[in-house]
Amino acid sequence: IKKFYKRNNILTQHFNENIEIDLANFKFYINSDNKKINIGLTPIEFKIFLCLYKKTGITLSREEIIRNIWGENYFIHNRIVDKHISSLRNKLAPYMQNIRTISGYGYKYEENVTNSKKKTYEN
């Protein structure tokens, strides 16, 4: 993956004015109060965020997330995704609340969610 991004000079992507991702080094930054804050995401959290962000507004089932992150040949309990999402939300909580839970199905990333301390869930 690193070779692909280096070859194509895609080392850093700015997803919006608040989010910056260094694809070459798998680093995630939040721009807050004119400061660039490194959010220490694990590799799995990083991949899950990218997976959700690339499909902004589209609900992904836990199984789809597992296939995108681990591949077809891994047998992972789908509740492991919940654990990683919870950890990801905890790390991003002070900055954004854009990862939504779709009860009984999966998750989606939404761009226009108010940044309140209260978590939002759908039925």
C-alpha atoms as a PDB file:
ATOM      1  CA  ILE A   1       0.000   0.000   0.000  1.00  0.00           C
ATOM      2  CA  LYS A   2       2.796   2.409   0.892  1.00  0.00           C
ATOM      3  CA  LYS A   3       4.498   1.792  -2.466  1.00  0.00           C
ATOM      4  CA  PHE A   4       1.276   2.521  -4.330  1.00  0.00           C
ATOM      5  CA  TYR A   5       0.719   5.819  -2.541  1.00  0.00           C
ATOM      6  CA  LYS A   6       4.376   6.874  -2.886  1.00  0.00           C
ATOM      7  CA  ARG A   7       4.411   5.976  -6.575  1.00  0.00           C
ATOM      8  CA  ASN A   8       1.288   8.062  -7.147  1.00  0.00           C
ATOM      9  CA  ASN A   9       2.405  10.890  -4.842  1.00  0.00           C
ATOM     10  CA  ILE A  10      -0.642  10.431  -2.645  1.00  0.00           C
ATOM     11  CA  LEU A  11       0.967  10.712   0.751  1.00  0.00           C
ATOM     12  CA  THR A  12      -1.475  12.957   2.582  1.00  0.00           C
ATOM     13  CA  GLN A  13      -5.149  13.494   2.031  1.00  0.00           C
ATOM     14  CA  HIS A  14      -7.282  16.270   3.507  1.00  0.00           C
ATOM     15  CA  PHE A  15     -10.761  14.847   3.824  1.00  0.00           C
ATOM     16  CA  ASN A  16     -12.198  18.137   5.014  1.00  0.00           C
ATOM     17  CA  GLU A  17     -10.954  21.195   6.870  1.00  0.00           C
ATOM     18  CA  ASN A  18     -10.808  19.227  10.149  1.00  0.00           C
ATOM     19  CA  ILE A  19      -9.428  15.840   9.089  1.00  0.00           C
ATOM     20  CA  GLU A  20      -6.025  15.051   7.598  1.00  0.00           C
ATOM     21  CA  ILE A  21      -4.778  11.538   6.967  1.00  0.00           C
ATOM     22  CA  ASP A  22      -1.179  10.600   6.235  1.00  0.00           C
ATOM     23  CA  LEU A  23      -1.639   7.464   4.142  1.00  0.00           C
ATOM     24  CA  ALA A  24       2.084   6.745   3.875  1.00  0.00           C
ATOM     25  CA  ASN A  25       2.513   6.542   7.656  1.00  0.00           C
ATOM     26  CA  PHE A  26      -1.037   5.563   8.651  1.00  0.00           C
ATOM     27  CA  LYS A  27      -1.490   8.674  10.824  1.00  0.00           C
ATOM     28  CA  PHE A  28      -4.751  10.469  11.522  1.00  0.00           C
ATOM     29  CA  TYR A  29      -4.830  14.175  12.418  1.00  0.00           C
ATOM     30  CA  ILE A  30      -7.587  16.489  13.590  1.00  0.00           C
ATOM     31  CA  ASN A  31      -7.190  20.222  12.998  1.00  0.00           C
ATOM     32  CA  SER A  32      -8.639  21.885  16.091  1.00  0.00           C
ATOM     33  CA  ASP A  33      -8.100  25.478  17.249  1.00  0.00           C
ATOM     34  CA  ASN A  34      -5.374  25.966  14.614  1.00  0.00           C
ATOM     35  CA  LYS A  35      -3.474  22.948  15.989  1.00  0.00           C
ATOM     36  CA  LYS A  36      -2.760  19.682  14.234  1.00  0.00           C
ATOM     37  CA  ILE A  37      -3.501  16.920  16.765  1.00  0.00           C
ATOM     38  CA  ASN A  38      -2.278  13.388  16.079  1.00  0.00           C
ATOM     39  CA  ILE A  39      -4.930  10.860  17.073  1.00  0.00           C
ATOM     40  CA  GLY A  40      -3.152   7.598  17.836  1.00  0.00           C
ATOM     41  CA  LEU A  41      -5.322   5.128  15.960  1.00  0.00           C
ATOM     42  CA  THR A  42      -4.443   1.462  15.775  1.00  0.00           C
ATOM     43  CA  PRO A  43      -4.034   0.055  12.250  1.00  0.00           C
ATOM     44  CA  ILE A  44      -7.477  -1.578  12.439  1.00  0.00           C
ATOM     45  CA  GLU A  45      -9.150   1.630  13.672  1.00  0.00           C
ATOM     46  CA  PHE A  46      -7.400   3.537  10.884  1.00  0.00           C
ATOM     47  CA  LYS A  47      -8.673   1.081   8.252  1.00  0.00           C
ATOM     48  CA  ILE A  48     -12.204   1.088   9.679  1.00  0.00           C
ATOM     49  CA  PHE A  49     -12.342   4.888   9.594  1.00  0.00           C
ATOM     50  CA  LEU A  50     -11.127   4.948   5.975  1.00  0.00           C
ATOM     51  CA  CYS A  51     -13.622   2.241   5.032  1.00  0.00           C
ATOM     52  CA  LEU A  52     -16.514   4.200   6.546  1.00  0.00           C
ATOM     53  CA  TYR A  53     -15.310   7.542   5.219  1.00  0.00           C
ATOM     54  CA  LYS A  54     -14.964   6.293   1.656  1.00  0.00           C
ATOM     55  CA  LYS A  55     -18.620   5.231   1.828  1.00  0.00           C
ATOM     56  CA  THR A  56     -19.894   8.447   3.477  1.00  0.00           C
ATOM     57  CA  GLY A  57     -23.654   8.318   3.961  1.00  0.00           C
ATOM     58  CA  ILE A  58     -23.862   4.601   3.129  1.00  0.00           C
ATOM     59  CA  THR A  59     -24.586   2.099   5.873  1.00  0.00           C
ATOM     60  CA  LEU A  60     -22.098  -0.781   6.006  1.00  0.00           C
ATOM     61  CA  SER A  61     -22.987  -4.005   7.773  1.00  0.00           C
ATOM     62  CA  ARG A  62     -20.528  -5.516  10.209  1.00  0.00           C
ATOM     63  CA  GLU A  63     -19.881  -8.279   7.666  1.00  0.00           C
ATOM     64  CA  GLU A  64     -19.027  -5.744   4.941  1.00  0.00           C
ATOM     65  CA  ILE A  65     -16.589  -4.002   7.285  1.00  0.00           C
ATOM     66  CA  ILE A  66     -14.971  -7.352   8.141  1.00  0.00           C
ATOM     67  CA  ARG A  67     -14.591  -8.219   4.433  1.00  0.00           C
ATOM     68  CA  ASN A  68     -13.075  -4.791   3.698  1.00  0.00           C
ATOM     69  CA  ILE A  69     -10.623  -4.890   6.612  1.00  0.00           C
ATOM     70  CA  TRP A  70      -9.707  -8.548   7.107  1.00  0.00           C
ATOM     71  CA  GLY A  71     -10.742 -10.079   3.787  1.00  0.00           C
ATOM     72  CA  GLU A  72     -12.940 -12.969   2.752  1.00  0.00           C
ATOM     73  CA  ASN A  73     -10.920 -15.792   4.305  1.00  0.00           C
ATOM     74  CA  TYR A  74     -10.965 -14.627   7.925  1.00  0.00           C
ATOM     75  CA  PHE A  75     -13.496 -15.981  10.369  1.00  0.00           C
ATOM     76  CA  ILE A  76     -13.950 -13.163  12.847  1.00  0.00           C
ATOM     77  CA  HIS A  77     -16.955 -12.685  15.090  1.00  0.00           C
ATOM     78  CA  ASN A  78     -18.859  -9.672  13.797  1.00  0.00           C
ATOM     79  CA  ARG A  79     -19.060  -8.129  17.288  1.00  0.00           C
ATOM     80  CA  ILE A  80     -15.302  -7.443  17.131  1.00  0.00           C
ATOM     81  CA  VAL A  81     -16.242  -4.564  14.817  1.00  0.00           C
ATOM     82  CA  ASP A  82     -18.316  -3.086  17.677  1.00  0.00           C
ATOM     83  CA  LYS A  83     -15.277  -3.146  19.944  1.00  0.00           C
ATOM     84  CA  HIS A  84     -13.107  -1.346  17.374  1.00  0.00           C
ATOM     85  CA  ILE A  85     -15.840   1.221  16.612  1.00  0.00           C
ATOM     86  CA  SER A  86     -16.219   1.916  20.332  1.00  0.00           C
ATOM     87  CA  SER A  87     -12.484   2.466  20.685  1.00  0.00           C
ATOM     88  CA  LEU A  88     -12.425   4.671  17.572  1.00  0.00           C
ATOM     89  CA  ARG A  89     -15.306   6.773  18.907  1.00  0.00           C
ATOM     90  CA  ASN A  90     -13.566   7.203  22.256  1.00  0.00           C
ATOM     91  CA  LYS A  91     -10.450   8.523  20.538  1.00  0.00           C
ATOM     92  CA  LEU A  92     -12.406  10.867  18.254  1.00  0.00           C
ATOM     93  CA  ALA A  93     -15.052  11.900  20.813  1.00  0.00           C
ATOM     94  CA  PRO A  94     -13.666  15.333  21.666  1.00  0.00           C
ATOM     95  CA  TYR A  95     -13.513  16.250  17.983  1.00  0.00           C
ATOM     96  CA  MET A  96     -16.371  14.681  16.088  1.00  0.00           C
ATOM     97  CA  GLN A  97     -19.430  12.436  16.333  1.00  0.00           C
ATOM     98  CA  ASN A  98     -19.779  11.418  12.700  1.00  0.00           C
ATOM     99  CA  ILE A  99     -19.843   7.616  13.069  1.00  0.00           C
ATOM    100  CA  ARG A 100     -23.451   6.534  13.458  1.00  0.00           C
ATOM    101  CA  THR A 101     -24.815   3.209  14.643  1.00  0.00           C
ATOM    102  CA  ILE A 102     -27.597   1.642  12.629  1.00  0.00           C
ATOM    103  CA  SER A 103     -29.193  -0.625  15.203  1.00  0.00           C
ATOM    104  CA  GLY A 104     -29.042  -4.323  14.352  1.00  0.00           C
ATOM    105  CA  TYR A 105     -27.171  -3.733  11.094  1.00  0.00           C
ATOM    106  CA  GLY A 106     -23.933  -1.788  11.165  1.00  0.00           C
ATOM    107  CA  TYR A 107     -22.391   1.668  10.913  1.00  0.00           C
ATOM    108  CA  LYS A 108     -22.094   4.677   8.668  1.00  0.00           C
ATOM    109  CA  TYR A 109     -20.080   7.882   8.506  1.00  0.00           C
ATOM    110  CA  GLU A 110     -22.040  11.098   8.052  1.00  0.00           C
ATOM    111  CA  GLU A 111     -20.402  14.405   7.201  1.00  0.00           C
ATOM    112  CA  ASN A 112     -22.957  16.842   8.629  1.00  0.00           C
ATOM    113  CA  VAL A 113     -23.395  15.682  12.217  1.00  0.00           C
ATOM    114  CA  THR A 114     -23.275  18.236  15.005  1.00  0.00           C
ATOM    115  CA  ASN A 115     -20.295  17.785  17.296  1.00  0.00           C
ATOM    116  CA  SER A 116     -22.105  17.381  20.576  1.00  0.00           C
ATOM    117  CA  LYS A 117     -21.002  15.229  23.488  1.00  0.00           C
ATOM    118  CA  LYS A 118     -24.143  13.092  23.122  1.00  0.00           C
ATOM    119  CA  LYS A 119     -23.769  10.006  20.938  1.00  0.00           C
ATOM    120  CA  THR A 120     -26.387   9.566  18.256  1.00  0.00           C
ATOM    121  CA  TYR A 121     -28.035   6.297  17.335  1.00  0.00           C
ATOM    122  CA  GLU A 122     -30.678   5.327  14.811  1.00  0.00           C
ATOM    123  CA  ASN A 123     -33.386   2.715  15.109  1.00  0.00           C
END
